[in-house]
Amino acid sequence: MEIKFNPGRISDPGTSQPIARGPSTPATSDTSGLPHERTQALEQSLRDAPQVRPEVVDRARALVADVKYPPDEVLDRISALLALHVKS
């Protein structure tokens, strides 16, 4: 079975049922498995990490603006891999 990517065809996803989710639980800071020093070091690393990396954002913008990204060859390969894993 071979599937070819067709960028001109837009499929209608149809309607789907909403996903039922349980009540959200607040995040807890259970650190009983880690030594206190390591926990503090990890928390400090998270605080020091930049929220936004400008070079990554610029690269993403360039890729989104490129009409040839991702290349059709890549999409054809992905569709072939998906076709191999489709269960009949």
PDB file of N, CA and C in Angstrom:
ATOM      1  N   MET A   1       0.843  -1.169   0.000  1.00  0.00           N
ATOM      2  CA  MET A   1       0.000   0.000   0.000  1.00  0.00           C
ATOM      3  C   MET A   1       0.891   1.235   0.000  1.00  0.00           C
ATOM      4  N   GLU A   2       0.624   2.157  -0.879  1.00  0.00           N
ATOM      5  CA  GLU A   2       1.401   3.386  -0.947  1.00  0.00           C
ATOM      6  C   GLU A   2       0.455   4.572  -0.869  1.00  0.00           C
ATOM      7  N   ILE A   3       0.808   5.520  -0.028  1.00  0.00           N
ATOM      8  CA  ILE A   3      -0.003   6.716   0.136  1.00  0.00           C
ATOM      9  C   ILE A   3       0.824   7.904  -0.298  1.00  0.00           C
ATOM     10  N   LYS A   4       0.282   8.721  -1.171  1.00  0.00           N
ATOM     11  CA  LYS A   4       0.968   9.925  -1.629  1.00  0.00           C
ATOM     12  C   LYS A   4       0.355  11.133  -0.940  1.00  0.00           C
ATOM     13  N   PHE A   5       1.193  12.021  -0.532  1.00  0.00           N
ATOM     14  CA  PHE A   5       0.736  13.254   0.106  1.00  0.00           C
ATOM     15  C   PHE A   5       0.157  14.173  -0.955  1.00  0.00           C
ATOM     16  N   ASN A   6      -1.019  14.749  -0.672  1.00  0.00           N
ATOM     17  CA  ASN A   6      -1.670  15.653  -1.599  1.00  0.00           C
ATOM     18  C   ASN A   6      -1.923  16.973  -0.880  1.00  0.00           C
ATOM     19  N   PRO A   7      -1.018  17.971  -1.064  1.00  0.00           N
ATOM     20  CA  PRO A   7      -1.180  19.220  -0.326  1.00  0.00           C
ATOM     21  C   PRO A   7      -2.392  20.037  -0.750  1.00  0.00           C
ATOM     22  N   GLY A   8      -2.989  19.752  -1.916  1.00  0.00           N
ATOM     23  CA  GLY A   8      -4.129  20.515  -2.390  1.00  0.00           C
ATOM     24  C   GLY A   8      -5.445  20.053  -1.804  1.00  0.00           C
ATOM     25  N   ARG A   9      -5.455  18.912  -1.177  1.00  0.00           N
ATOM     26  CA  ARG A   9      -6.697  18.342  -0.641  1.00  0.00           C
ATOM     27  C   ARG A   9      -6.770  18.602   0.854  1.00  0.00           C
ATOM     28  N   ILE A  10      -7.856  19.201   1.271  1.00  0.00           N
ATOM     29  CA  ILE A  10      -8.084  19.445   2.684  1.00  0.00           C
ATOM     30  C   ILE A  10      -9.212  18.546   3.122  1.00  0.00           C
ATOM     31  N   SER A  11      -8.917  17.666   4.055  1.00  0.00           N
ATOM     32  CA  SER A  11      -9.949  16.732   4.495  1.00  0.00           C
ATOM     33  C   SER A  11     -10.748  17.342   5.631  1.00  0.00           C
ATOM     34  N   ASP A  12     -12.003  16.954   5.701  1.00  0.00           N
ATOM     35  CA  ASP A  12     -12.883  17.420   6.762  1.00  0.00           C
ATOM     36  C   ASP A  12     -12.739  16.455   7.929  1.00  0.00           C
ATOM     37  N   PRO A  13     -12.260  16.940   9.074  1.00  0.00           N
ATOM     38  CA  PRO A  13     -12.072  16.032  10.191  1.00  0.00           C
ATOM     39  C   PRO A  13     -13.380  15.543  10.790  1.00  0.00           C
ATOM     40  N   GLY A  14     -14.485  16.188  10.423  1.00  0.00           N
ATOM     41  CA  GLY A  14     -15.775  15.763  10.950  1.00  0.00           C
ATOM     42  C   GLY A  14     -15.921  16.174  12.397  1.00  0.00           C
ATOM     43  N   THR A  15     -16.984  15.700  12.987  1.00  0.00           N
ATOM     44  CA  THR A  15     -17.191  16.032  14.385  1.00  0.00           C
ATOM     45  C   THR A  15     -16.668  14.907  15.247  1.00  0.00           C
ATOM     46  N   SER A  16     -16.248  15.269  16.403  1.00  0.00           N
ATOM     47  CA  SER A  16     -15.777  14.255  17.332  1.00  0.00           C
ATOM     48  C   SER A  16     -16.343  14.552  18.695  1.00  0.00           C
ATOM     49  N   GLN A  17     -16.357  13.541  19.513  1.00  0.00           N
ATOM     50  CA  GLN A  17     -16.863  13.724  20.854  1.00  0.00           C
ATOM     51  C   GLN A  17     -15.773  14.347  21.713  1.00  0.00           C
ATOM     52  N   PRO A  18     -16.164  15.215  22.635  1.00  0.00           N
ATOM     53  CA  PRO A  18     -15.153  15.823  23.498  1.00  0.00           C
ATOM     54  C   PRO A  18     -14.532  14.780  24.422  1.00  0.00           C
ATOM     55  N   ILE A  19     -13.327  15.031  24.791  1.00  0.00           N
ATOM     56  CA  ILE A  19     -12.620  14.127  25.679  1.00  0.00           C
ATOM     57  C   ILE A  19     -13.026  14.452  27.113  1.00  0.00           C
ATOM     58  N   ALA A  20     -13.446  13.424  27.822  1.00  0.00           N
ATOM     59  CA  ALA A  20     -13.825  13.624  29.214  1.00  0.00           C
ATOM     60  C   ALA A  20     -12.562  13.645  30.061  1.00  0.00           C
ATOM     61  N   ARG A  21     -12.410  14.686  30.817  1.00  0.00           N
ATOM     62  CA  ARG A  21     -11.231  14.816  31.675  1.00  0.00           C
ATOM     63  C   ARG A  21     -11.683  14.854  33.122  1.00  0.00           C
ATOM     64  N   GLY A  22     -10.870  14.277  33.964  1.00  0.00           N
ATOM     65  CA  GLY A  22     -11.152  14.288  35.387  1.00  0.00           C
ATOM     66  C   GLY A  22     -10.826  15.649  35.968  1.00  0.00           C
ATOM     67  N   PRO A  23     -11.187  15.859  37.203  1.00  0.00           N
ATOM     68  CA  PRO A  23     -10.876  17.142  37.830  1.00  0.00           C
ATOM     69  C   PRO A  23      -9.368  17.322  37.935  1.00  0.00           C
ATOM     70  N   SER A  24      -8.921  18.547  37.678  1.00  0.00           N
ATOM     71  CA  SER A  24      -7.492  18.792  37.739  1.00  0.00           C
ATOM     72  C   SER A  24      -7.056  18.876  39.192  1.00  0.00           C
ATOM     73  N   THR A  25      -5.893  18.336  39.436  1.00  0.00           N
ATOM     74  CA  THR A  25      -5.354  18.377  40.784  1.00  0.00           C
ATOM     75  C   THR A  25      -4.242  19.397  40.823  1.00  0.00           C
ATOM     76  N   PRO A  26      -4.151  20.151  41.878  1.00  0.00           N
ATOM     77  CA  PRO A  26      -3.089  21.147  41.955  1.00  0.00           C
ATOM     78  C   PRO A  26      -1.722  20.471  42.016  1.00  0.00           C
ATOM     79  N   ALA A  27      -0.735  21.134  41.436  1.00  0.00           N
ATOM     80  CA  ALA A  27       0.623  20.591  41.433  1.00  0.00           C
ATOM     81  C   ALA A  27       1.162  20.598  42.853  1.00  0.00           C
ATOM     82  N   THR A  28       1.763  19.501  43.212  1.00  0.00           N
ATOM     83  CA  THR A  28       2.370  19.428  44.531  1.00  0.00           C
ATOM     84  C   THR A  28       3.866  19.396  44.379  1.00  0.00           C
ATOM     85  N   SER A  29       4.548  19.834  45.362  1.00  0.00           N
ATOM     86  CA  SER A  29       6.005  19.827  45.314  1.00  0.00           C
ATOM     87  C   SER A  29       6.522  18.720  46.217  1.00  0.00           C
ATOM     88  N   ASP A  30       6.130  17.485  45.879  1.00  0.00           N
ATOM     89  CA  ASP A  30       6.584  16.336  46.651  1.00  0.00           C
ATOM     90  C   ASP A  30       7.994  16.005  46.213  1.00  0.00           C
ATOM     91  N   THR A  31       8.931  16.306  47.032  1.00  0.00           N
ATOM     92  CA  THR A  31      10.334  16.079  46.698  1.00  0.00           C
ATOM     93  C   THR A  31      10.958  15.084  47.663  1.00  0.00           C
ATOM     94  N   SER A  32      10.142  14.178  48.176  1.00  0.00           N
ATOM     95  CA  SER A  32      10.643  13.239  49.170  1.00  0.00           C
ATOM     96  C   SER A  32      11.694  12.302  48.602  1.00  0.00           C
ATOM     97  N   GLY A  33      11.713  12.100  47.279  1.00  0.00           N
ATOM     98  CA  GLY A  33      12.672  11.185  46.679  1.00  0.00           C
ATOM     99  C   GLY A  33      14.020  11.826  46.376  1.00  0.00           C
ATOM    100  N   LEU A  34      14.124  13.144  46.471  1.00  0.00           N
ATOM    101  CA  LEU A  34      15.365  13.835  46.139  1.00  0.00           C
ATOM    102  C   LEU A  34      15.951  14.495  47.381  1.00  0.00           C
ATOM    103  N   PRO A  35      17.269  14.500  47.465  1.00  0.00           N
ATOM    104  CA  PRO A  35      17.883  15.248  48.563  1.00  0.00           C
ATOM    105  C   PRO A  35      17.560  16.736  48.428  1.00  0.00           C
ATOM    106  N   HIS A  36      17.477  17.423  49.525  1.00  0.00           N
ATOM    107  CA  HIS A  36      17.098  18.828  49.547  1.00  0.00           C
ATOM    108  C   HIS A  36      18.018  19.682  48.675  1.00  0.00           C
ATOM    109  N   GLU A  37      19.309  19.408  48.686  1.00  0.00           N
ATOM    110  CA  GLU A  37      20.258  20.210  47.910  1.00  0.00           C
ATOM    111  C   GLU A  37      19.996  20.067  46.407  1.00  0.00           C
ATOM    112  N   ARG A  38      19.732  18.857  45.974  1.00  0.00           N
ATOM    113  CA  ARG A  38      19.468  18.625  44.538  1.00  0.00           C
ATOM    114  C   ARG A  38      18.178  19.297  44.124  1.00  0.00           C
ATOM    115  N   THR A  39      17.185  19.245  44.997  1.00  0.00           N
ATOM    116  CA  THR A  39      15.909  19.890  44.704  1.00  0.00           C
ATOM    117  C   THR A  39      16.108  21.387  44.534  1.00  0.00           C
ATOM    118  N   GLN A  40      16.855  21.984  45.432  1.00  0.00           N
ATOM    119  CA  GLN A  40      17.111  23.417  45.335  1.00  0.00           C
ATOM    120  C   GLN A  40      17.885  23.750  44.067  1.00  0.00           C
ATOM    121  N   ALA A  41      18.869  22.914  43.722  1.00  0.00           N
ATOM    122  CA  ALA A  41      19.656  23.149  42.512  1.00  0.00           C
ATOM    123  C   ALA A  41      18.774  23.067  41.270  1.00  0.00           C
ATOM    124  N   LEU A  42      17.869  22.089  41.227  1.00  0.00           N
ATOM    125  CA  LEU A  42      16.965  21.960  40.084  1.00  0.00           C
ATOM    126  C   LEU A  42      16.019  23.152  39.991  1.00  0.00           C
ATOM    127  N   GLU A  43      15.483  23.568  41.116  1.00  0.00           N
ATOM    128  CA  GLU A  43      14.582  24.714  41.108  1.00  0.00           C
ATOM    129  C   GLU A  43      15.304  25.982  40.670  1.00  0.00           C
ATOM    130  N   GLN A  44      16.552  26.150  41.096  1.00  0.00           N
ATOM    131  CA  GLN A  44      17.332  27.319  40.683  1.00  0.00           C
ATOM    132  C   GLN A  44      17.625  27.269  39.182  1.00  0.00           C
ATOM    133  N   SER A  45      17.915  26.087  38.659  1.00  0.00           N
ATOM    134  CA  SER A  45      18.159  25.947  37.219  1.00  0.00           C
ATOM    135  C   SER A  45      16.924  26.319  36.425  1.00  0.00           C
ATOM    136  N   LEU A  46      15.764  25.915  36.905  1.00  0.00           N
ATOM    137  CA  LEU A  46      14.522  26.261  36.217  1.00  0.00           C
ATOM    138  C   LEU A  46      14.272  27.764  36.247  1.00  0.00           C
ATOM    139  N   ARG A  47      14.558  28.391  37.371  1.00  0.00           N
ATOM    140  CA  ARG A  47      14.376  29.839  37.467  1.00  0.00           C
ATOM    141  C   ARG A  47      15.347  30.589  36.553  1.00  0.00           C
ATOM    142  N   ASP A  48      16.555  30.054  36.377  1.00  0.00           N
ATOM    143  CA  ASP A  48      17.568  30.719  35.564  1.00  0.00           C
ATOM    144  C   ASP A  48      17.396  30.486  34.069  1.00  0.00           C
ATOM    145  N   ALA A  49      16.639  29.467  33.699  1.00  0.00           N
ATOM    146  CA  ALA A  49      16.455  29.145  32.279  1.00  0.00           C
ATOM    147  C   ALA A  49      15.644  30.242  31.598  1.00  0.00           C
ATOM    148  N   PRO A  50      16.067  30.647  30.395  1.00  0.00           N
ATOM    149  CA  PRO A  50      15.302  31.684  29.692  1.00  0.00           C
ATOM    150  C   PRO A  50      13.946  31.141  29.255  1.00  0.00           C
ATOM    151  N   GLN A  51      12.926  31.996  29.333  1.00  0.00           N
ATOM    152  CA  GLN A  51      11.583  31.594  28.933  1.00  0.00           C
ATOM    153  C   GLN A  51      11.461  31.505  27.420  1.00  0.00           C
ATOM    154  N   VAL A  52      12.172  32.362  26.707  1.00  0.00           N
ATOM    155  CA  VAL A  52      12.102  32.405  25.254  1.00  0.00           C
ATOM    156  C   VAL A  52      13.519  32.451  24.706  1.00  0.00           C
ATOM    157  N   ARG A  53      13.770  31.617  23.694  1.00  0.00           N
ATOM    158  CA  ARG A  53      15.068  31.652  23.023  1.00  0.00           C
ATOM    159  C   ARG A  53      14.862  32.313  21.668  1.00  0.00           C
ATOM    160  N   PRO A  54      15.321  33.542  21.506  1.00  0.00           N
ATOM    161  CA  PRO A  54      15.049  34.304  20.284  1.00  0.00           C
ATOM    162  C   PRO A  54      15.528  33.605  19.006  1.00  0.00           C
ATOM    163  N   GLU A  55      16.660  32.914  19.061  1.00  0.00           N
ATOM    164  CA  GLU A  55      17.168  32.252  17.856  1.00  0.00           C
ATOM    165  C   GLU A  55      16.245  31.117  17.419  1.00  0.00           C
ATOM    166  N   VAL A  56      15.631  30.430  18.368  1.00  0.00           N
ATOM    167  CA  VAL A  56      14.704  29.346  18.038  1.00  0.00           C
ATOM    168  C   VAL A  56      13.406  29.918  17.487  1.00  0.00           C
ATOM    169  N   VAL A  57      12.945  31.011  18.053  1.00  0.00           N
ATOM    170  CA  VAL A  57      11.731  31.663  17.563  1.00  0.00           C
ATOM    171  C   VAL A  57      11.948  32.169  16.139  1.00  0.00           C
ATOM    172  N   ASP A  58      13.109  32.766  15.868  1.00  0.00           N
ATOM    173  CA  ASP A  58      13.405  33.252  14.520  1.00  0.00           C
ATOM    174  C   ASP A  58      13.448  32.105  13.514  1.00  0.00           C
ATOM    175  N   ARG A  59      14.046  30.973  13.911  1.00  0.00           N
ATOM    176  CA  ARG A  59      14.102  29.813  13.006  1.00  0.00           C
ATOM    177  C   ARG A  59      12.695  29.282  12.734  1.00  0.00           C
ATOM    178  N   ALA A  60      11.868  29.217  13.760  1.00  0.00           N
ATOM    179  CA  ALA A  60      10.487  28.738  13.598  1.00  0.00           C
ATOM    180  C   ALA A  60       9.704  29.658  12.665  1.00  0.00           C
ATOM    181  N   ARG A  61       9.877  30.963  12.826  1.00  0.00           N
ATOM    182  CA  ARG A  61       9.187  31.906  11.948  1.00  0.00           C
ATOM    183  C   ARG A  61       9.628  31.723  10.497  1.00  0.00           C
ATOM    184  N   ALA A  62      10.914  31.503  10.291  1.00  0.00           N
ATOM    185  CA  ALA A  62      11.421  31.302   8.929  1.00  0.00           C
ATOM    186  C   ALA A  62      10.838  30.032   8.320  1.00  0.00           C
ATOM    187  N   LEU A  63      10.747  28.966   9.116  1.00  0.00           N
ATOM    188  CA  LEU A  63      10.198  27.707   8.605  1.00  0.00           C
ATOM    189  C   LEU A  63       8.707  27.839   8.297  1.00  0.00           C
ATOM    190  N   VAL A  64       7.976  28.521   9.141  1.00  0.00           N
ATOM    191  CA  VAL A  64       6.543  28.700   8.907  1.00  0.00           C
ATOM    192  C   VAL A  64       6.305  29.534   7.657  1.00  0.00           C
ATOM    193  N   ALA A  65       7.162  30.502   7.410  1.00  0.00           N
ATOM    194  CA  ALA A  65       7.000  31.364   6.241  1.00  0.00           C
ATOM    195  C   ALA A  65       7.382  30.656   4.944  1.00  0.00           C
ATOM    196  N   ASP A  66       8.163  29.584   5.031  1.00  0.00           N
ATOM    197  CA  ASP A  66       8.619  28.855   3.845  1.00  0.00           C
ATOM    198  C   ASP A  66       7.511  27.921   3.365  1.00  0.00           C
ATOM    199  N   VAL A  67       6.998  28.185   2.159  1.00  0.00           N
ATOM    200  CA  VAL A  67       5.896  27.358   1.631  1.00  0.00           C
ATOM    201  C   VAL A  67       6.358  25.951   1.266  1.00  0.00           C
ATOM    202  N   LYS A  68       7.649  25.733   1.160  1.00  0.00           N
ATOM    203  CA  LYS A  68       8.156  24.408   0.811  1.00  0.00           C
ATOM    204  C   LYS A  68       8.583  23.607   2.039  1.00  0.00           C
ATOM    205  N   TYR A  69       8.198  24.064   3.236  1.00  0.00           N
ATOM    206  CA  TYR A  69       8.548  23.337   4.447  1.00  0.00           C
ATOM    207  C   TYR A  69       7.292  22.744   5.052  1.00  0.00           C
ATOM    208  N   PRO A  70       7.294  21.525   5.431  1.00  0.00           N
ATOM    209  CA  PRO A  70       8.305  20.522   5.167  1.00  0.00           C
ATOM    210  C   PRO A  70       8.239  20.073   3.721  1.00  0.00           C
ATOM    211  N   PRO A  71       9.351  19.589   3.191  1.00  0.00           N
ATOM    212  CA  PRO A  71       9.360  19.167   1.789  1.00  0.00           C
ATOM    213  C   PRO A  71       8.379  18.017   1.534  1.00  0.00           C
ATOM    214  N   ASP A  72       7.871  17.960   0.320  1.00  0.00           N
ATOM    215  CA  ASP A  72       6.927  16.891  -0.041  1.00  0.00           C
ATOM    216  C   ASP A  72       7.541  15.514   0.164  1.00  0.00           C
ATOM    217  N   GLU A  73       8.843  15.383  -0.065  1.00  0.00           N
ATOM    218  CA  GLU A  73       9.518  14.092   0.132  1.00  0.00           C
ATOM    219  C   GLU A  73       9.394  13.624   1.585  1.00  0.00           C
ATOM    220  N   VAL A  74       9.557  14.535   2.512  1.00  0.00           N
ATOM    221  CA  VAL A  74       9.430  14.190   3.928  1.00  0.00           C
ATOM    222  C   VAL A  74       7.992  13.766   4.237  1.00  0.00           C
ATOM    223  N   LEU A  75       7.035  14.504   3.715  1.00  0.00           N
ATOM    224  CA  LEU A  75       5.627  14.150   3.949  1.00  0.00           C
ATOM    225  C   LEU A  75       5.280  12.810   3.318  1.00  0.00           C
ATOM    226  N   ASP A  76       5.838  12.519   2.130  1.00  0.00           N
ATOM    227  CA  ASP A  76       5.620  11.213   1.504  1.00  0.00           C
ATOM    228  C   ASP A  76       6.193  10.091   2.360  1.00  0.00           C
ATOM    229  N   ARG A  77       7.369  10.311   2.935  1.00  0.00           N
ATOM    230  CA  ARG A  77       7.975   9.279   3.786  1.00  0.00           C
ATOM    231  C   ARG A  77       7.156   9.062   5.058  1.00  0.00           C
ATOM    232  N   ILE A  78       6.687  10.146   5.647  1.00  0.00           N
ATOM    233  CA  ILE A  78       5.854  10.020   6.844  1.00  0.00           C
ATOM    234  C   ILE A  78       4.573   9.276   6.523  1.00  0.00           C
ATOM    235  N   SER A  79       3.958   9.609   5.387  1.00  0.00           N
ATOM    236  CA  SER A  79       2.710   8.920   5.019  1.00  0.00           C
ATOM    237  C   SER A  79       2.964   7.440   4.759  1.00  0.00           C
ATOM    238  N   ALA A  80       4.132   7.099   4.195  1.00  0.00           N
ATOM    239  CA  ALA A  80       4.468   5.696   3.964  1.00  0.00           C
ATOM    240  C   ALA A  80       4.648   4.965   5.297  1.00  0.00           C
ATOM    241  N   LEU A  81       5.307   5.611   6.247  1.00  0.00           N
ATOM    242  CA  LEU A  81       5.474   4.992   7.563  1.00  0.00           C
ATOM    243  C   LEU A  81       4.128   4.801   8.255  1.00  0.00           C
ATOM    244  N   LEU A  82       3.262   5.788   8.134  1.00  0.00           N
ATOM    245  CA  LEU A  82       1.934   5.653   8.738  1.00  0.00           C
ATOM    246  C   LEU A  82       1.157   4.522   8.070  1.00  0.00           C
ATOM    247  N   ALA A  83       1.284   4.390   6.759  1.00  0.00           N
ATOM    248  CA  ALA A  83       0.572   3.339   6.040  1.00  0.00           C
ATOM    249  C   ALA A  83       1.061   1.967   6.480  1.00  0.00           C
ATOM    250  N   LEU A  84       2.334   1.859   6.820  1.00  0.00           N
ATOM    251  CA  LEU A  84       2.861   0.558   7.281  1.00  0.00           C
ATOM    252  C   LEU A  84       2.265   0.163   8.625  1.00  0.00           C
ATOM    253  N   HIS A  85       1.895   1.149   9.419  1.00  0.00           N
ATOM    254  CA  HIS A  85       1.405   0.862  10.753  1.00  0.00           C
ATOM    255  C   HIS A  85      -0.109   0.879  10.863  1.00  0.00           C
ATOM    256  N   VAL A  86      -0.806   1.105   9.753  1.00  0.00           N
ATOM    257  CA  VAL A  86      -2.271   1.069   9.776  1.00  0.00           C
ATOM    258  C   VAL A  86      -2.721  -0.378   9.915  1.00  0.00           C
ATOM    259  N   LYS A  87      -3.584  -0.590  10.877  1.00  0.00           N
ATOM    260  CA  LYS A  87      -4.086  -1.953  11.077  1.00  0.00           C
ATOM    261  C   LYS A  87      -5.402  -2.085  10.311  1.00  0.00           C
ATOM    262  N   SER A  88      -5.479  -3.099   9.497  1.00  0.00           N
ATOM    263  CA  SER A  88      -6.689  -3.317   8.697  1.00  0.00           C
ATOM    264  C   SER A  88      -7.739  -4.048   9.492  1.00  0.00           C
TER     265      SER A  88
END
